[in-house]
Amino acid sequence: MGVVYHTHYLDYFEAGRTEALRNLGVSYRSLEEQGLIMPVVNVDVQYRGPAHYDDLLDITVRFEEMPSVRVPIEYAVRRRDESPLLASGHTTLCFMDADRRRPTRAPEAVRTVFADALSS
């Protein structure tokens, strides 16, 4: 059909949040080394217009609240240099103890980074 397959937007969300967290100073690798994982427990996507193959896309990621056990994240997808919204969405991730597979509170270092980012 010449348009991006709908599930690829979830890949875009993942890449965007990975980079956004890295820009805040939080890497998935460091969390995993601490015995934490962050599975997606909820996802919602609203498709507004098609992205086409070979489009350059900008993914905007917003963290709007301090994470506790869960981390809600908002996304917006647009073609580079254009303003119309192609897709928007929301995911909720959960901090989880990797060994016990049980939810756990966000590490203090993560909360500190988020406190700084949310206050600016």
PDB file of N, CA and C in Angstrom:
ATOM      1  N   MET A   1       0.814  -1.206   0.000  1.00  0.00           N
ATOM      2  CA  MET A   1       0.000   0.000   0.000  1.00  0.00           C
ATOM      3  C   MET A   1       0.852   1.263   0.000  1.00  0.00           C
ATOM      4  N   GLY A   2       2.160   1.118   0.146  1.00  0.00           N
ATOM      5  CA  GLY A   2       3.027   2.285   0.099  1.00  0.00           C
ATOM      6  C   GLY A   2       3.107   3.081   1.381  1.00  0.00           C
ATOM      7  N   VAL A   3       2.498   2.566   2.459  1.00  0.00           N
ATOM      8  CA  VAL A   3       2.545   3.271   3.741  1.00  0.00           C
ATOM      9  C   VAL A   3       3.212   2.381   4.785  1.00  0.00           C
ATOM     10  N   VAL A   4       3.650   2.999   5.849  1.00  0.00           N
ATOM     11  CA  VAL A   4       4.301   2.272   6.929  1.00  0.00           C
ATOM     12  C   VAL A   4       3.277   1.377   7.632  1.00  0.00           C
ATOM     13  N   TYR A   5       3.636   0.135   7.843  1.00  0.00           N
ATOM     14  CA  TYR A   5       2.772  -0.827   8.526  1.00  0.00           C
ATOM     15  C   TYR A   5       2.496  -0.347   9.951  1.00  0.00           C
ATOM     16  N   HIS A   6       1.269  -0.492  10.393  1.00  0.00           N
ATOM     17  CA  HIS A   6       0.819   0.134  11.646  1.00  0.00           C
ATOM     18  C   HIS A   6       1.632  -0.267  12.877  1.00  0.00           C
ATOM     19  N   THR A   7       2.106  -1.488  12.952  1.00  0.00           N
ATOM     20  CA  THR A   7       2.841  -1.899  14.164  1.00  0.00           C
ATOM     21  C   THR A   7       4.235  -1.284  14.253  1.00  0.00           C
ATOM     22  N   HIS A   8       4.750  -0.753  13.136  1.00  0.00           N
ATOM     23  CA  HIS A   8       6.076  -0.126  13.188  1.00  0.00           C
ATOM     24  C   HIS A   8       6.073   1.119  14.074  1.00  0.00           C
ATOM     25  N   TYR A   9       4.900   1.717  14.278  1.00  0.00           N
ATOM     26  CA  TYR A   9       4.838   2.878  15.162  1.00  0.00           C
ATOM     27  C   TYR A   9       5.252   2.502  16.585  1.00  0.00           C
ATOM     28  N   LEU A  10       4.976   1.271  16.990  1.00  0.00           N
ATOM     29  CA  LEU A  10       5.424   0.827  18.311  1.00  0.00           C
ATOM     30  C   LEU A  10       6.949   0.763  18.367  1.00  0.00           C
ATOM     31  N   ASP A  11       7.574   0.359  17.255  1.00  0.00           N
ATOM     32  CA  ASP A  11       9.042   0.381  17.185  1.00  0.00           C
ATOM     33  C   ASP A  11       9.555   1.807  17.282  1.00  0.00           C
ATOM     34  N   TYR A  12       8.868   2.750  16.626  1.00  0.00           N
ATOM     35  CA  TYR A  12       9.270   4.154  16.699  1.00  0.00           C
ATOM     36  C   TYR A  12       9.145   4.668  18.136  1.00  0.00           C
ATOM     37  N   PHE A  13       8.064   4.278  18.803  1.00  0.00           N
ATOM     38  CA  PHE A  13       7.897   4.685  20.203  1.00  0.00           C
ATOM     39  C   PHE A  13       9.058   4.157  21.047  1.00  0.00           C
ATOM     40  N   GLU A  14       9.408   2.884  20.842  1.00  0.00           N
ATOM     41  CA  GLU A  14      10.486   2.285  21.638  1.00  0.00           C
ATOM     42  C   GLU A  14      11.813   2.986  21.390  1.00  0.00           C
ATOM     43  N   ALA A  15      12.135   3.227  20.132  1.00  0.00           N
ATOM     44  CA  ALA A  15      13.384   3.922  19.820  1.00  0.00           C
ATOM     45  C   ALA A  15      13.378   5.325  20.422  1.00  0.00           C
ATOM     46  N   GLY A  16      12.256   6.018  20.327  1.00  0.00           N
ATOM     47  CA  GLY A  16      12.153   7.363  20.885  1.00  0.00           C
ATOM     48  C   GLY A  16      12.335   7.380  22.388  1.00  0.00           C
ATOM     49  N   ARG A  17      11.673   6.452  23.090  1.00  0.00           N
ATOM     50  CA  ARG A  17      11.788   6.472  24.553  1.00  0.00           C
ATOM     51  C   ARG A  17      13.174   6.034  25.012  1.00  0.00           C
ATOM     52  N   THR A  18      13.799   5.100  24.270  1.00  0.00           N
ATOM     53  CA  THR A  18      15.161   4.681  24.613  1.00  0.00           C
ATOM     54  C   THR A  18      16.105   5.875  24.540  1.00  0.00           C
ATOM     55  N   GLU A  19      15.991   6.650  23.461  1.00  0.00           N
ATOM     56  CA  GLU A  19      16.856   7.822  23.309  1.00  0.00           C
ATOM     57  C   GLU A  19      16.498   8.924  24.304  1.00  0.00           C
ATOM     58  N   ALA A  20      15.213   9.119  24.563  1.00  0.00           N
ATOM     59  CA  ALA A  20      14.803  10.138  25.534  1.00  0.00           C
ATOM     60  C   ALA A  20      15.330   9.803  26.921  1.00  0.00           C
ATOM     61  N   LEU A  21      15.228   8.542  27.312  1.00  0.00           N
ATOM     62  CA  LEU A  21      15.775   8.131  28.612  1.00  0.00           C
ATOM     63  C   LEU A  21      17.289   8.305  28.636  1.00  0.00           C
ATOM     64  N   ARG A  22      17.953   7.925  27.548  1.00  0.00           N
ATOM     65  CA  ARG A  22      19.414   8.087  27.476  1.00  0.00           C
ATOM     66  C   ARG A  22      19.790   9.559  27.616  1.00  0.00           C
ATOM     67  N   ASN A  23      19.014  10.445  26.971  1.00  0.00           N
ATOM     68  CA  ASN A  23      19.283  11.885  27.073  1.00  0.00           C
ATOM     69  C   ASN A  23      19.100  12.400  28.492  1.00  0.00           C
ATOM     70  N   LEU A  24      18.247  11.739  29.272  1.00  0.00           N
ATOM     71  CA  LEU A  24      18.072  12.107  30.678  1.00  0.00           C
ATOM     72  C   LEU A  24      19.182  11.531  31.555  1.00  0.00           C
ATOM     73  N   GLY A  25      19.938  10.574  31.018  1.00  0.00           N
ATOM     74  CA  GLY A  25      20.998   9.934  31.796  1.00  0.00           C
ATOM     75  C   GLY A  25      20.621   8.563  32.317  1.00  0.00           C
ATOM     76  N   VAL A  26      19.562   7.965  31.767  1.00  0.00           N
ATOM     77  CA  VAL A  26      19.104   6.639  32.192  1.00  0.00           C
ATOM     78  C   VAL A  26      19.225   5.701  30.997  1.00  0.00           C
ATOM     79  N   SER A  27      20.013   4.641  31.135  1.00  0.00           N
ATOM     80  CA  SER A  27      20.108   3.678  30.042  1.00  0.00           C
ATOM     81  C   SER A  27      19.468   2.361  30.469  1.00  0.00           C
ATOM     82  N   TYR A  28      18.808   1.725  29.496  1.00  0.00           N
ATOM     83  CA  TYR A  28      18.215   0.420  29.779  1.00  0.00           C
ATOM     84  C   TYR A  28      19.285  -0.562  30.256  1.00  0.00           C
ATOM     85  N   ARG A  29      20.446  -0.490  29.634  1.00  0.00           N
ATOM     86  CA  ARG A  29      21.511  -1.417  30.000  1.00  0.00           C
ATOM     87  C   ARG A  29      21.882  -1.279  31.478  1.00  0.00           C
ATOM     88  N   SER A  30      22.013  -0.042  31.957  1.00  0.00           N
ATOM     89  CA  SER A  30      22.375   0.146  33.364  1.00  0.00           C
ATOM     90  C   SER A  30      21.275  -0.360  34.286  1.00  0.00           C
ATOM     91  N   LEU A  31      20.016  -0.168  33.880  1.00  0.00           N
ATOM     92  CA  LEU A  31      18.915  -0.690  34.692  1.00  0.00           C
ATOM     93  C   LEU A  31      18.953  -2.218  34.736  1.00  0.00           C
ATOM     94  N   GLU A  32      19.196  -2.840  33.586  1.00  0.00           N
ATOM     95  CA  GLU A  32      19.276  -4.300  33.547  1.00  0.00           C
ATOM     96  C   GLU A  32      20.439  -4.810  34.390  1.00  0.00           C
ATOM     97  N   GLU A  33      21.545  -4.074  34.392  1.00  0.00           N
ATOM     98  CA  GLU A  33      22.689  -4.459  35.228  1.00  0.00           C
ATOM     99  C   GLU A  33      22.348  -4.370  36.713  1.00  0.00           C
ATOM    100  N   GLN A  34      21.352  -3.535  37.055  1.00  0.00           N
ATOM    101  CA  GLN A  34      20.887  -3.421  38.442  1.00  0.00           C
ATOM    102  C   GLN A  34      19.794  -4.441  38.756  1.00  0.00           C
ATOM    103  N   GLY A  35      19.465  -5.285  37.774  1.00  0.00           N
ATOM    104  CA  GLY A  35      18.436  -6.294  37.993  1.00  0.00           C
ATOM    105  C   GLY A  35      17.019  -5.807  37.754  1.00  0.00           C
ATOM    106  N   LEU A  36      16.884  -4.731  36.970  1.00  0.00           N
ATOM    107  CA  LEU A  36      15.562  -4.171  36.668  1.00  0.00           C
ATOM    108  C   LEU A  36      15.244  -4.316  35.184  1.00  0.00           C
ATOM    109  N   ILE A  37      13.984  -4.560  34.894  1.00  0.00           N
ATOM    110  CA  ILE A  37      13.491  -4.518  33.529  1.00  0.00           C
ATOM    111  C   ILE A  37      12.294  -3.579  33.499  1.00  0.00           C
ATOM    112  N   MET A  38      11.901  -3.152  32.300  1.00  0.00           N
ATOM    113  CA  MET A  38      10.789  -2.200  32.163  1.00  0.00           C
ATOM    114  C   MET A  38       9.859  -2.657  31.051  1.00  0.00           C
ATOM    115  N   PRO A  39       9.030  -3.660  31.307  1.00  0.00           N
ATOM    116  CA  PRO A  39       8.108  -4.092  30.257  1.00  0.00           C
ATOM    117  C   PRO A  39       6.993  -3.071  30.033  1.00  0.00           C
ATOM    118  N   VAL A  40       6.491  -3.053  28.815  1.00  0.00           N
ATOM    119  CA  VAL A  40       5.322  -2.250  28.483  1.00  0.00           C
ATOM    120  C   VAL A  40       4.098  -2.979  29.027  1.00  0.00           C
ATOM    121  N   VAL A  41       3.277  -2.275  29.808  1.00  0.00           N
ATOM    122  CA  VAL A  41       2.065  -2.891  30.355  1.00  0.00           C
ATOM    123  C   VAL A  41       0.798  -2.309  29.739  1.00  0.00           C
ATOM    124  N   ASN A  42       0.955  -1.225  28.968  1.00  0.00           N
ATOM    125  CA  ASN A  42      -0.193  -0.630  28.299  1.00  0.00           C
ATOM    126  C   ASN A  42       0.319   0.152  27.103  1.00  0.00           C
ATOM    127  N   VAL A  43      -0.412   0.072  25.992  1.00  0.00           N
ATOM    128  CA  VAL A  43      -0.059   0.865  24.807  1.00  0.00           C
ATOM    129  C   VAL A  43      -1.339   1.298  24.109  1.00  0.00           C
ATOM    130  N   ASP A  44      -1.295   2.514  23.585  1.00  0.00           N
ATOM    131  CA  ASP A  44      -2.437   3.069  22.867  1.00  0.00           C
ATOM    132  C   ASP A  44      -1.884   3.930  21.733  1.00  0.00           C
ATOM    133  N   VAL A  45      -2.404   3.736  20.527  1.00  0.00           N
ATOM    134  CA  VAL A  45      -1.949   4.512  19.372  1.00  0.00           C
ATOM    135  C   VAL A  45      -3.166   5.081  18.642  1.00  0.00           C
ATOM    136  N   GLN A  46      -3.072   6.337  18.254  1.00  0.00           N
ATOM    137  CA  GLN A  46      -4.084   6.970  17.413  1.00  0.00           C
ATOM    138  C   GLN A  46      -3.405   7.312  16.087  1.00  0.00           C
ATOM    139  N   TYR A  47      -3.899   6.727  15.009  1.00  0.00           N
ATOM    140  CA  TYR A  47      -3.356   6.971  13.677  1.00  0.00           C
ATOM    141  C   TYR A  47      -4.146   8.101  13.034  1.00  0.00           C
ATOM    142  N   ARG A  48      -3.439   9.123  12.557  1.00  0.00           N
ATOM    143  CA  ARG A  48      -4.111  10.298  12.010  1.00  0.00           C
ATOM    144  C   ARG A  48      -3.820  10.493  10.522  1.00  0.00           C
ATOM    145  N   GLY A  49      -2.695   9.996  10.071  1.00  0.00           N
ATOM    146  CA  GLY A  49      -2.306  10.108   8.664  1.00  0.00           C
ATOM    147  C   GLY A  49      -1.172   9.146   8.401  1.00  0.00           C
ATOM    148  N   PRO A  50      -0.982   8.735   7.148  1.00  0.00           N
ATOM    149  CA  PRO A  50       0.038   7.724   6.869  1.00  0.00           C
ATOM    150  C   PRO A  50       1.441   8.303   6.750  1.00  0.00           C
ATOM    151  N   ALA A  51       2.393   7.573   7.275  1.00  0.00           N
ATOM    152  CA  ALA A  51       3.798   7.801   6.949  1.00  0.00           C
ATOM    153  C   ALA A  51       4.088   6.901   5.752  1.00  0.00           C
ATOM    154  N   HIS A  52       4.961   7.367   4.873  1.00  0.00           N
ATOM    155  CA  HIS A  52       5.293   6.605   3.673  1.00  0.00           C
ATOM    156  C   HIS A  52       6.717   6.090   3.788  1.00  0.00           C
ATOM    157  N   TYR A  53       7.003   5.040   3.056  1.00  0.00           N
ATOM    158  CA  TYR A  53       8.346   4.489   3.068  1.00  0.00           C
ATOM    159  C   TYR A  53       9.337   5.569   2.675  1.00  0.00           C
ATOM    160  N   ASP A  54      10.444   5.597   3.377  1.00  0.00           N
ATOM    161  CA  ASP A  54      11.540   6.529   3.160  1.00  0.00           C
ATOM    162  C   ASP A  54      11.265   7.926   3.697  1.00  0.00           C
ATOM    163  N   ASP A  55      10.133   8.143   4.374  1.00  0.00           N
ATOM    164  CA  ASP A  55       9.915   9.413   5.068  1.00  0.00           C
ATOM    165  C   ASP A  55      10.902   9.528   6.220  1.00  0.00           C
ATOM    166  N   LEU A  56      11.387  10.722   6.461  1.00  0.00           N
ATOM    167  CA  LEU A  56      12.158  10.986   7.674  1.00  0.00           C
ATOM    168  C   LEU A  56      11.164  11.449   8.723  1.00  0.00           C
ATOM    169  N   LEU A  57      11.148  10.756   9.861  1.00  0.00           N
ATOM    170  CA  LEU A  57      10.153  11.027  10.900  1.00  0.00           C
ATOM    171  C   LEU A  57      10.797  11.589  12.145  1.00  0.00           C
ATOM    172  N   ASP A  58      10.088  12.466  12.807  1.00  0.00           N
ATOM    173  CA  ASP A  58      10.481  12.964  14.124  1.00  0.00           C
ATOM    174  C   ASP A  58       9.532  12.364  15.147  1.00  0.00           C
ATOM    175  N   ILE A  59      10.103  11.798  16.194  1.00  0.00           N
ATOM    176  CA  ILE A  59       9.325  11.209  17.277  1.00  0.00           C
ATOM    177  C   ILE A  59       9.542  12.084  18.505  1.00  0.00           C
ATOM    178  N   THR A  60       8.478  12.693  18.988  1.00  0.00           N
ATOM    179  CA  THR A  60       8.548  13.501  20.207  1.00  0.00           C
ATOM    180  C   THR A  60       8.086  12.637  21.368  1.00  0.00           C
ATOM    181  N   VAL A  61       8.876  12.631  22.438  1.00  0.00           N
ATOM    182  CA  VAL A  61       8.582  11.821  23.625  1.00  0.00           C
ATOM    183  C   VAL A  61       8.455  12.762  24.811  1.00  0.00           C
ATOM    184  N   ARG A  62       7.379  12.598  25.592  1.00  0.00           N
ATOM    185  CA  ARG A  62       7.170  13.435  26.778  1.00  0.00           C
ATOM    186  C   ARG A  62       6.945  12.557  28.007  1.00  0.00           C
ATOM    187  N   PHE A  63       7.689  12.876  29.033  1.00  0.00           N
ATOM    188  CA  PHE A  63       7.470  12.290  30.360  1.00  0.00           C
ATOM    189  C   PHE A  63       6.797  13.396  31.164  1.00  0.00           C
ATOM    190  N   GLU A  64       5.581  13.168  31.605  1.00  0.00           N
ATOM    191  CA  GLU A  64       4.840  14.249  32.234  1.00  0.00           C
ATOM    192  C   GLU A  64       4.689  14.109  33.734  1.00  0.00           C
ATOM    193  N   GLU A  65       5.131  12.987  34.292  1.00  0.00           N
ATOM    194  CA  GLU A  65       5.026  12.840  35.738  1.00  0.00           C
ATOM    195  C   GLU A  65       6.160  11.986  36.277  1.00  0.00           C
ATOM    196  N   MET A  66       6.385  12.146  37.561  1.00  0.00           N
ATOM    197  CA  MET A  66       7.433  11.397  38.240  1.00  0.00           C
ATOM    198  C   MET A  66       7.090   9.909  38.232  1.00  0.00           C
ATOM    199  N   PRO A  67       8.025   9.071  37.787  1.00  0.00           N
ATOM    200  CA  PRO A  67       7.736   7.636  37.827  1.00  0.00           C
ATOM    201  C   PRO A  67       7.761   7.109  39.258  1.00  0.00           C
ATOM    202  N   SER A  68       6.880   6.199  39.519  1.00  0.00           N
ATOM    203  CA  SER A  68       6.914   5.483  40.800  1.00  0.00           C
ATOM    204  C   SER A  68       7.212   4.039  40.439  1.00  0.00           C
ATOM    205  N   VAL A  69       6.198   3.207  40.358  1.00  0.00           N
ATOM    206  CA  VAL A  69       6.362   1.850  39.841  1.00  0.00           C
ATOM    207  C   VAL A  69       6.130   1.871  38.336  1.00  0.00           C
ATOM    208  N   ARG A  70       5.196   2.689  37.917  1.00  0.00           N
ATOM    209  CA  ARG A  70       4.857   2.803  36.492  1.00  0.00           C
ATOM    210  C   ARG A  70       5.390   4.112  35.916  1.00  0.00           C
ATOM    211  N   VAL A  71       5.661   4.072  34.603  1.00  0.00           N
ATOM    212  CA  VAL A  71       6.172   5.240  33.898  1.00  0.00           C
ATOM    213  C   VAL A  71       5.260   5.520  32.697  1.00  0.00           C
ATOM    214  N   PRO A  72       4.379   6.510  32.791  1.00  0.00           N
ATOM    215  CA  PRO A  72       3.564   6.867  31.632  1.00  0.00           C
ATOM    216  C   PRO A  72       4.359   7.757  30.670  1.00  0.00           C
ATOM    217  N   ILE A  73       4.222   7.472  29.374  1.00  0.00           N
ATOM    218  CA  ILE A  73       4.983   8.202  28.348  1.00  0.00           C
ATOM    219  C   ILE A  73       4.057   8.544  27.187  1.00  0.00           C
ATOM    220  N   GLU A  74       4.162   9.781  26.689  1.00  0.00           N
ATOM    221  CA  GLU A  74       3.363  10.253  25.555  1.00  0.00           C
ATOM    222  C   GLU A  74       4.267  10.419  24.330  1.00  0.00           C
ATOM    223  N   TYR A  75       3.699  10.172  23.133  1.00  0.00           N
ATOM    224  CA  TYR A  75       4.456  10.233  21.888  1.00  0.00           C
ATOM    225  C   TYR A  75       3.694  11.016  20.828  1.00  0.00           C
ATOM    226  N   ALA A  76       4.449  11.639  19.924  1.00  0.00           N
ATOM    227  CA  ALA A  76       3.882  12.267  18.732  1.00  0.00           C
ATOM    228  C   ALA A  76       4.826  11.959  17.568  1.00  0.00           C
ATOM    229  N   VAL A  77       4.248  11.576  16.431  1.00  0.00           N
ATOM    230  CA  VAL A  77       5.032  11.225  15.241  1.00  0.00           C
ATOM    231  C   VAL A  77       4.639  12.178  14.118  1.00  0.00           C
ATOM    232  N   ARG A  78       5.665  12.829  13.548  1.00  0.00           N
ATOM    233  CA  ARG A  78       5.462  13.750  12.419  1.00  0.00           C
ATOM    234  C   ARG A  78       6.546  13.508  11.381  1.00  0.00           C
ATOM    235  N   ARG A  79       6.234  13.869  10.120  1.00  0.00           N
ATOM    236  CA  ARG A  79       7.284  13.897   9.112  1.00  0.00           C
ATOM    237  C   ARG A  79       8.231  15.036   9.446  1.00  0.00           C
ATOM    238  N   ARG A  80       9.502  14.822   9.206  1.00  0.00           N
ATOM    239  CA  ARG A  80      10.485  15.879   9.460  1.00  0.00           C
ATOM    240  C   ARG A  80      10.130  17.111   8.632  1.00  0.00           C
ATOM    241  N   ASP A  81      10.235  18.266   9.248  1.00  0.00           N
ATOM    242  CA  ASP A  81       9.958  19.554   8.607  1.00  0.00           C
ATOM    243  C   ASP A  81       8.490  19.765   8.248  1.00  0.00           C
ATOM    244  N   GLU A  82       7.595  18.965   8.822  1.00  0.00           N
ATOM    245  CA  GLU A  82       6.158  19.179   8.618  1.00  0.00           C
ATOM    246  C   GLU A  82       5.477  19.135   9.970  1.00  0.00           C
ATOM    247  N   SER A  83       4.395  19.872  10.108  1.00  0.00           N
ATOM    248  CA  SER A  83       3.726  19.886  11.399  1.00  0.00           C
ATOM    249  C   SER A  83       2.560  18.919  11.557  1.00  0.00           C
ATOM    250  N   PRO A  84       1.889  18.460  10.481  1.00  0.00           N
ATOM    251  CA  PRO A  84       0.731  17.588  10.726  1.00  0.00           C
ATOM    252  C   PRO A  84       1.109  16.320  11.497  1.00  0.00           C
ATOM    253  N   LEU A  85       0.310  16.019  12.459  1.00  0.00           N
ATOM    254  CA  LEU A  85       0.524  14.839  13.296  1.00  0.00           C
ATOM    255  C   LEU A  85       0.119  13.595  12.520  1.00  0.00           C
ATOM    256  N   LEU A  86       1.037  12.631  12.420  1.00  0.00           N
ATOM    257  CA  LEU A  86       0.736  11.365  11.753  1.00  0.00           C
ATOM    258  C   LEU A  86       0.169  10.346  12.732  1.00  0.00           C
ATOM    259  N   ALA A  87       0.712  10.344  13.935  1.00  0.00           N
ATOM    260  CA  ALA A  87       0.244   9.409  14.969  1.00  0.00           C
ATOM    261  C   ALA A  87       0.612   9.973  16.329  1.00  0.00           C
ATOM    262  N   SER A  88      -0.189   9.623  17.306  1.00  0.00           N
ATOM    263  CA  SER A  88       0.143   9.947  18.688  1.00  0.00           C
ATOM    264  C   SER A  88      -0.123   8.696  19.502  1.00  0.00           C
ATOM    265  N   GLY A  89       0.439   8.668  20.681  1.00  0.00           N
ATOM    266  CA  GLY A  89       0.231   7.472  21.476  1.00  0.00           C
ATOM    267  C   GLY A  89       0.688   7.631  22.903  1.00  0.00           C
ATOM    268  N   HIS A  90       0.499   6.560  23.616  1.00  0.00           N
ATOM    269  CA  HIS A  90       0.814   6.511  25.032  1.00  0.00           C
ATOM    270  C   HIS A  90       1.265   5.088  25.354  1.00  0.00           C
ATOM    271  N   THR A  91       2.320   4.983  26.145  1.00  0.00           N
ATOM    272  CA  THR A  91       2.675   3.690  26.726  1.00  0.00           C
ATOM    273  C   THR A  91       2.821   3.864  28.226  1.00  0.00           C
ATOM    274  N   THR A  92       2.627   2.788  28.923  1.00  0.00           N
ATOM    275  CA  THR A  92       2.944   2.737  30.346  1.00  0.00           C
ATOM    276  C   THR A  92       3.907   1.580  30.526  1.00  0.00           C
ATOM    277  N   LEU A  93       5.060   1.881  31.115  1.00  0.00           N
ATOM    278  CA  LEU A  93       6.040   0.854  31.436  1.00  0.00           C
ATOM    279  C   LEU A  93       6.020   0.639  32.935  1.00  0.00           C
ATOM    280  N   CYS A  94       6.530  -0.493  33.355  1.00  0.00           N
ATOM    281  CA  CYS A  94       6.543  -0.839  34.775  1.00  0.00           C
ATOM    282  C   CYS A  94       7.957  -1.248  35.172  1.00  0.00           C
ATOM    283  N   PHE A  95       8.466  -0.654  36.239  1.00  0.00           N
ATOM    284  CA  PHE A  95       9.732  -1.138  36.786  1.00  0.00           C
ATOM    285  C   PHE A  95       9.481  -2.494  37.415  1.00  0.00           C
ATOM    286  N   MET A  96      10.326  -3.466  37.069  1.00  0.00           N
ATOM    287  CA  MET A  96      10.114  -4.820  37.559  1.00  0.00           C
ATOM    288  C   MET A  96      11.449  -5.438  37.951  1.00  0.00           C
ATOM    289  N   ASP A  97      11.445  -6.133  39.083  1.00  0.00           N
ATOM    290  CA  ASP A  97      12.602  -6.903  39.505  1.00  0.00           C
ATOM    291  C   ASP A  97      12.757  -8.061  38.518  1.00  0.00           C
ATOM    292  N   ALA A  98      13.902  -8.128  37.838  1.00  0.00           N
ATOM    293  CA  ALA A  98      14.100  -9.116  36.778  1.00  0.00           C
ATOM    294  C   ALA A  98      14.078 -10.549  37.298  1.00  0.00           C
ATOM    295  N   ASP A  99      14.604 -10.779  38.480  1.00  0.00           N
ATOM    296  CA  ASP A  99      14.651 -12.142  39.011  1.00  0.00           C
ATOM    297  C   ASP A  99      13.293 -12.600  39.523  1.00  0.00           C
ATOM    298  N   ARG A 100      12.637 -11.750  40.289  1.00  0.00           N
ATOM    299  CA  ARG A 100      11.359 -12.133  40.902  1.00  0.00           C
ATOM    300  C   ARG A 100      10.167 -11.918  39.978  1.00  0.00           C
ATOM    301  N   ARG A 101      10.374 -11.118  38.912  1.00  0.00           N
ATOM    302  CA  ARG A 101       9.288 -10.776  37.990  1.00  0.00           C
ATOM    303  C   ARG A 101       8.122 -10.125  38.722  1.00  0.00           C
ATOM    304  N   ARG A 102       8.470  -9.245  39.652  1.00  0.00           N
ATOM    305  CA  ARG A 102       7.486  -8.512  40.448  1.00  0.00           C
ATOM    306  C   ARG A 102       7.733  -7.012  40.283  1.00  0.00           C
ATOM    307  N   PRO A 103       6.668  -6.215  40.241  1.00  0.00           N
ATOM    308  CA  PRO A 103       6.826  -4.758  40.167  1.00  0.00           C
ATOM    309  C   PRO A 103       7.635  -4.234  41.351  1.00  0.00           C
ATOM    310  N   THR A 104       8.388  -3.188  41.088  1.00  0.00           N
ATOM    311  CA  THR A 104       9.200  -2.563  42.128  1.00  0.00           C
ATOM    312  C   THR A 104       9.244  -1.064  41.879  1.00  0.00           C
ATOM    313  N   ARG A 105       9.612  -0.334  42.893  1.00  0.00           N
ATOM    314  CA  ARG A 105       9.675   1.131  42.812  1.00  0.00           C
ATOM    315  C   ARG A 105      10.861   1.565  41.948  1.00  0.00           C
ATOM    316  N   ALA A 106      10.705   2.683  41.262  1.00  0.00           N
ATOM    317  CA  ALA A 106      11.795   3.257  40.463  1.00  0.00           C
ATOM    318  C   ALA A 106      12.993   3.524  41.361  1.00  0.00           C
ATOM    319  N   PRO A 107      14.192   3.231  40.888  1.00  0.00           N
ATOM    320  CA  PRO A 107      15.390   3.513  41.688  1.00  0.00           C
ATOM    321  C   PRO A 107      15.507   5.007  41.997  1.00  0.00           C
ATOM    322  N   GLU A 108      16.105   5.315  43.109  1.00  0.00           N
ATOM    323  CA  GLU A 108      16.255   6.709  43.532  1.00  0.00           C
ATOM    324  C   GLU A 108      16.997   7.537  42.485  1.00  0.00           C
ATOM    325  N   ALA A 109      18.011   6.963  41.848  1.00  0.00           N
ATOM    326  CA  ALA A 109      18.772   7.696  40.821  1.00  0.00           C
ATOM    327  C   ALA A 109      17.859   8.092  39.657  1.00  0.00           C
ATOM    328  N   VAL A 110      16.945   7.227  39.279  1.00  0.00           N
ATOM    329  CA  VAL A 110      16.001   7.529  38.201  1.00  0.00           C
ATOM    330  C   VAL A 110      15.047   8.629  38.642  1.00  0.00           C
ATOM    331  N   ARG A 111      14.560   8.537  39.858  1.00  0.00           N
ATOM    332  CA  ARG A 111      13.645   9.564  40.369  1.00  0.00           C
ATOM    333  C   ARG A 111      14.340  10.930  40.440  1.00  0.00           C
ATOM    334  N   THR A 112      15.602  10.951  40.802  1.00  0.00           N
ATOM    335  CA  THR A 112      16.356  12.199  40.864  1.00  0.00           C
ATOM    336  C   THR A 112      16.492  12.819  39.473  1.00  0.00           C
ATOM    337  N   VAL A 113      16.835  12.005  38.483  1.00  0.00           N
ATOM    338  CA  VAL A 113      16.956  12.487  37.111  1.00  0.00           C
ATOM    339  C   VAL A 113      15.639  13.047  36.607  1.00  0.00           C
ATOM    340  N   PHE A 114      14.538  12.333  36.900  1.00  0.00           N
ATOM    341  CA  PHE A 114      13.228  12.806  36.473  1.00  0.00           C
ATOM    342  C   PHE A 114      12.839  14.076  37.204  1.00  0.00           C
ATOM    343  N   ALA A 115      13.146  14.174  38.485  1.00  0.00           N
ATOM    344  CA  ALA A 115      12.822  15.388  39.246  1.00  0.00           C
ATOM    345  C   ALA A 115      13.487  16.595  38.617  1.00  0.00           C
ATOM    346  N   ASP A 116      14.763  16.447  38.245  1.00  0.00           N
ATOM    347  CA  ASP A 116      15.484  17.543  37.604  1.00  0.00           C
ATOM    348  C   ASP A 116      14.855  17.894  36.262  1.00  0.00           C
ATOM    349  N   ALA A 117      14.532  16.883  35.456  1.00  0.00           N
ATOM    350  CA  ALA A 117      13.980  17.119  34.121  1.00  0.00           C
ATOM    351  C   ALA A 117      12.580  17.722  34.186  1.00  0.00           C
ATOM    352  N   LEU A 118      11.765  17.254  35.104  1.00  0.00           N
ATOM    353  CA  LEU A 118      10.396  17.749  35.195  1.00  0.00           C
ATOM    354  C   LEU A 118      10.325  19.155  35.773  1.00  0.00           C
ATOM    355  N   SER A 119      11.330  19.555  36.520  1.00  0.00           N
ATOM    356  CA  SER A 119      11.309  20.897  37.125  1.00  0.00           C
ATOM    357  C   SER A 119      11.814  21.975  36.161  1.00  0.00           C
ATOM    358  N   SER A 120      12.438  21.557  35.077  1.00  0.00           N
ATOM    359  CA  SER A 120      12.969  22.571  34.147  1.00  0.00           C
ATOM    360  C   SER A 120      12.057  22.831  32.985  1.00  0.00           C
TER     361      SER A 120
END
